[in-house]
Amino acid sequence: MEGRKRDQVVTLIFLHVETKAPAWFQSAKELYFKKISGFVKVEEWTIKSPPQQRKDSSQKVSQEAQKILAKLIPSDFLVLFDEKGKSYDSIAFSSELQKVFERSPQRIVFLIGGAFGVDSSIQERAQWKVSLGKMTMNHLVAQIVSLEQVYRALTIQKNIPYHNE
């Protein structure tokens, strides 16, 4: 963020497959969107998953990929939260995110795929693949974890007392 020119504004976009969300999730999501918006512009984008059966999961993943790719523009920096991505501690994640900011993208898109993962076209499009941990987690939990870690990274970059070592 510090290397950016004053007239350049980055937007962080959190993109995910739409799911029915309970009140606890809405409250937590709103809290982190408000906190992140103190640093940068932030948006949420959702796509609807096609209604295929479980046995048609590969078709579902393919159709989700088409919807995801349709939302992206070539200059977007795509961060894929994926169980096969690289694991980071919070300091290292913050440092890597700072490097992304220094590339001066207009939009950084953080993606959590659908229940069956993402298509190879999304894997190939992603410039950075990040694991949230080895355990499988519910999509709503993964979204909150990703929001919290991005917020934590931003506070680390600005030396704001939030992260304790």
Protein backbone atom coordinates (compact mmCIF):
# COMPACT_ATOMS: atom_id res chain seq x y z
CA MET A 1 0.00 0.00 0.00
CA GLU A 2 2.78 2.45 0.82
CA GLY A 3 4.34 2.16 -2.66
CA ARG A 4 1.14 3.25 -4.40
CA LYS A 5 0.74 6.63 -6.04
CA ARG A 6 -1.81 8.91 -4.41
CA ASP A 7 -4.23 8.84 -7.36
CA GLN A 8 -4.21 5.06 -7.59
CA VAL A 9 -6.91 3.38 -5.58
CA VAL A 10 -6.94 -0.35 -5.12
CA THR A 11 -10.18 -2.21 -4.57
CA LEU A 12 -10.19 -5.46 -2.68
CA ILE A 13 -12.94 -7.73 -3.93
CA PHE A 14 -14.05 -10.83 -2.06
CA LEU A 15 -15.66 -13.22 -4.53
CA HIS A 16 -17.41 -16.41 -3.51
CA VAL A 17 -20.16 -18.80 -4.44
CA GLU A 18 -23.41 -17.61 -2.90
CA THR A 19 -24.74 -19.62 0.00
CA LYS A 20 -27.56 -19.01 2.41
CA ALA A 21 -25.98 -17.18 5.30
CA PRO A 22 -27.12 -17.11 8.92
CA ALA A 23 -27.13 -13.96 11.05
CA TRP A 24 -23.77 -14.71 12.75
CA PHE A 25 -22.06 -14.75 9.37
CA GLN A 26 -23.68 -11.51 8.20
CA SER A 27 -22.60 -9.77 11.41
CA ALA A 28 -19.01 -11.02 11.20
CA LYS A 29 -18.75 -10.21 7.50
CA GLU A 30 -20.08 -6.68 8.00
CA LEU A 31 -17.63 -6.14 10.87
CA TYR A 32 -14.60 -7.10 8.75
CA PHE A 33 -15.80 -5.22 5.67
CA LYS A 34 -16.10 -2.11 7.83
CA LYS A 35 -12.63 -2.64 9.31
CA ILE A 36 -11.00 -3.29 5.90
CA SER A 37 -12.74 -0.27 4.38
CA GLY A 38 -10.73 1.89 6.81
CA PHE A 39 -7.68 1.01 4.69
CA VAL A 40 -8.92 0.39 1.14
CA LYS A 41 -12.06 0.19 -0.92
CA VAL A 42 -13.69 -3.22 -0.45
CA GLU A 43 -16.48 -5.01 -2.31
CA GLU A 44 -18.23 -8.35 -2.17
CA TRP A 45 -19.18 -10.25 -5.31
CA THR A 46 -21.11 -13.49 -5.40
CA ILE A 47 -21.99 -15.97 -8.08
CA LYS A 48 -24.84 -18.44 -7.98
CA SER A 49 -23.88 -22.06 -8.22
CA PRO A 50 -25.79 -24.04 -10.85
CA PRO A 51 -28.33 -26.50 -9.40
CA GLN A 52 -26.65 -29.75 -10.54
CA GLN A 53 -26.68 -32.83 -8.39
CA ARG A 54 -23.57 -33.97 -6.48
CA LYS A 55 -22.85 -36.58 -9.15
CA ASP A 56 -22.53 -33.73 -11.68
CA SER A 57 -19.90 -31.90 -9.62
CA SER A 58 -17.43 -31.52 -12.53
CA GLN A 59 -20.10 -29.79 -14.62
CA LYS A 60 -20.99 -27.59 -11.63
CA VAL A 61 -17.32 -26.59 -11.17
CA SER A 62 -16.99 -25.83 -14.88
CA GLN A 63 -20.09 -23.61 -14.89
CA GLU A 64 -18.95 -21.81 -11.74
CA ALA A 65 -15.60 -21.15 -13.44
CA GLN A 66 -17.33 -19.55 -16.42
CA LYS A 67 -19.23 -17.23 -14.08
CA ILE A 68 -16.08 -16.37 -12.11
CA LEU A 69 -14.01 -15.66 -15.22
CA ALA A 70 -16.82 -13.48 -16.62
CA LYS A 71 -16.48 -11.19 -13.58
CA LEU A 72 -12.73 -10.74 -13.95
CA ILE A 73 -10.87 -8.32 -16.18
CA PRO A 74 -7.35 -9.08 -17.44
CA SER A 75 -5.69 -6.62 -15.05
CA ASP A 76 -7.27 -8.16 -11.93
CA PHE A 77 -4.84 -9.80 -9.54
CA LEU A 78 -6.55 -13.05 -8.53
CA VAL A 79 -5.83 -14.58 -5.13
CA LEU A 80 -7.31 -18.05 -4.78
CA PHE A 81 -7.89 -19.42 -1.30
CA ASP A 82 -7.37 -23.11 -1.96
CA GLU A 83 -6.43 -26.07 0.23
CA LYS A 84 -3.58 -26.84 -2.20
CA GLY A 85 -2.21 -23.30 -1.97
CA LYS A 86 0.81 -22.17 0.01
CA SER A 87 0.49 -21.82 3.77
CA TYR A 88 1.66 -18.65 5.49
CA ASP A 89 1.78 -17.31 8.99
CA SER A 90 0.15 -13.90 9.36
CA ILE A 91 3.40 -11.92 9.08
CA ALA A 92 4.44 -13.72 5.88
CA PHE A 93 0.92 -13.35 4.41
CA SER A 94 1.04 -9.62 5.15
CA SER A 95 4.44 -9.35 3.49
CA GLU A 96 3.26 -11.19 0.37
CA LEU A 97 0.11 -9.06 0.21
CA GLN A 98 2.30 -5.94 0.40
CA LYS A 99 4.18 -7.21 -2.66
CA VAL A 100 0.86 -7.52 -4.48
CA PHE A 101 -0.02 -3.92 -3.56
CA GLU A 102 3.36 -2.80 -4.88
CA ARG A 103 2.44 -4.22 -8.29
CA SER A 104 -0.25 -1.48 -8.33
CA PRO A 105 -3.26 -3.50 -9.47
CA GLN A 106 -6.54 -1.62 -9.53
CA ARG A 107 -8.36 -4.66 -8.21
CA ILE A 108 -7.25 -7.57 -6.07
CA VAL A 109 -9.84 -10.34 -6.16
CA PHE A 110 -9.85 -12.86 -3.30
CA LEU A 111 -11.71 -15.99 -4.36
CA ILE A 112 -13.15 -18.85 -2.37
CA GLY A 113 -14.48 -21.46 -4.79
CA GLY A 114 -17.52 -23.65 -4.50
CA ALA A 115 -18.05 -26.83 -2.49
CA PHE A 116 -16.27 -28.95 -5.09
CA GLY A 117 -13.30 -26.65 -5.58
CA VAL A 118 -12.41 -24.69 -8.70
CA ASP A 119 -11.83 -25.59 -12.32
CA SER A 120 -8.31 -25.81 -13.73
CA SER A 121 -9.01 -22.58 -15.66
CA ILE A 122 -9.32 -20.76 -12.33
CA GLN A 123 -6.21 -22.47 -10.96
CA GLU A 124 -4.30 -21.26 -14.02
CA ARG A 125 -5.75 -17.72 -13.83
CA ALA A 126 -4.85 -17.25 -10.15
CA GLN A 127 -1.60 -15.37 -9.61
CA TRP A 128 -1.42 -16.39 -5.95
CA LYS A 129 -2.81 -19.50 -4.26
CA VAL A 130 -3.13 -19.37 -0.48
CA SER A 131 -4.11 -22.15 1.89
CA LEU A 132 -6.14 -21.24 4.95
CA GLY A 133 -4.96 -24.45 6.61
CA LYS A 134 -4.98 -28.19 6.17
CA MET A 135 -8.43 -28.68 7.68
CA THR A 136 -11.49 -28.51 5.49
CA MET A 137 -13.84 -25.76 6.59
CA ASN A 138 -17.32 -24.58 5.78
CA HIS A 139 -17.40 -21.87 3.08
CA LEU A 140 -18.84 -19.32 5.47
CA VAL A 141 -16.08 -19.95 8.00
CA ALA A 142 -13.46 -19.76 5.22
CA GLN A 143 -14.86 -16.39 4.16
CA ILE A 144 -14.60 -14.98 7.68
CA VAL A 145 -11.09 -16.39 8.13
CA SER A 146 -10.00 -14.83 4.83
CA LEU A 147 -11.51 -11.45 5.75
CA GLU A 148 -9.88 -11.52 9.18
CA GLN A 149 -6.48 -12.43 7.74
CA VAL A 150 -6.63 -9.65 5.14
CA TYR A 151 -7.60 -7.19 7.86
CA ARG A 152 -4.76 -8.50 10.06
CA ALA A 153 -2.32 -8.14 7.14
CA LEU A 154 -3.36 -4.53 6.63
CA THR A 155 -2.86 -3.72 10.32
CA ILE A 156 0.58 -5.35 10.24
CA GLN A 157 1.53 -3.25 7.21
CA LYS A 158 0.47 -0.07 8.99
CA ASN A 159 1.97 -1.04 12.37
CA ILE A 160 -1.44 -0.85 14.02
CA PRO A 161 -1.57 -2.85 17.26
CA TYR A 162 -3.84 -5.76 16.43
CA HIS A 163 -1.48 -8.65 15.69
CA ASN A 164 0.44 -10.00 18.69
CA GLU A 165 3.58 -12.00 18.13
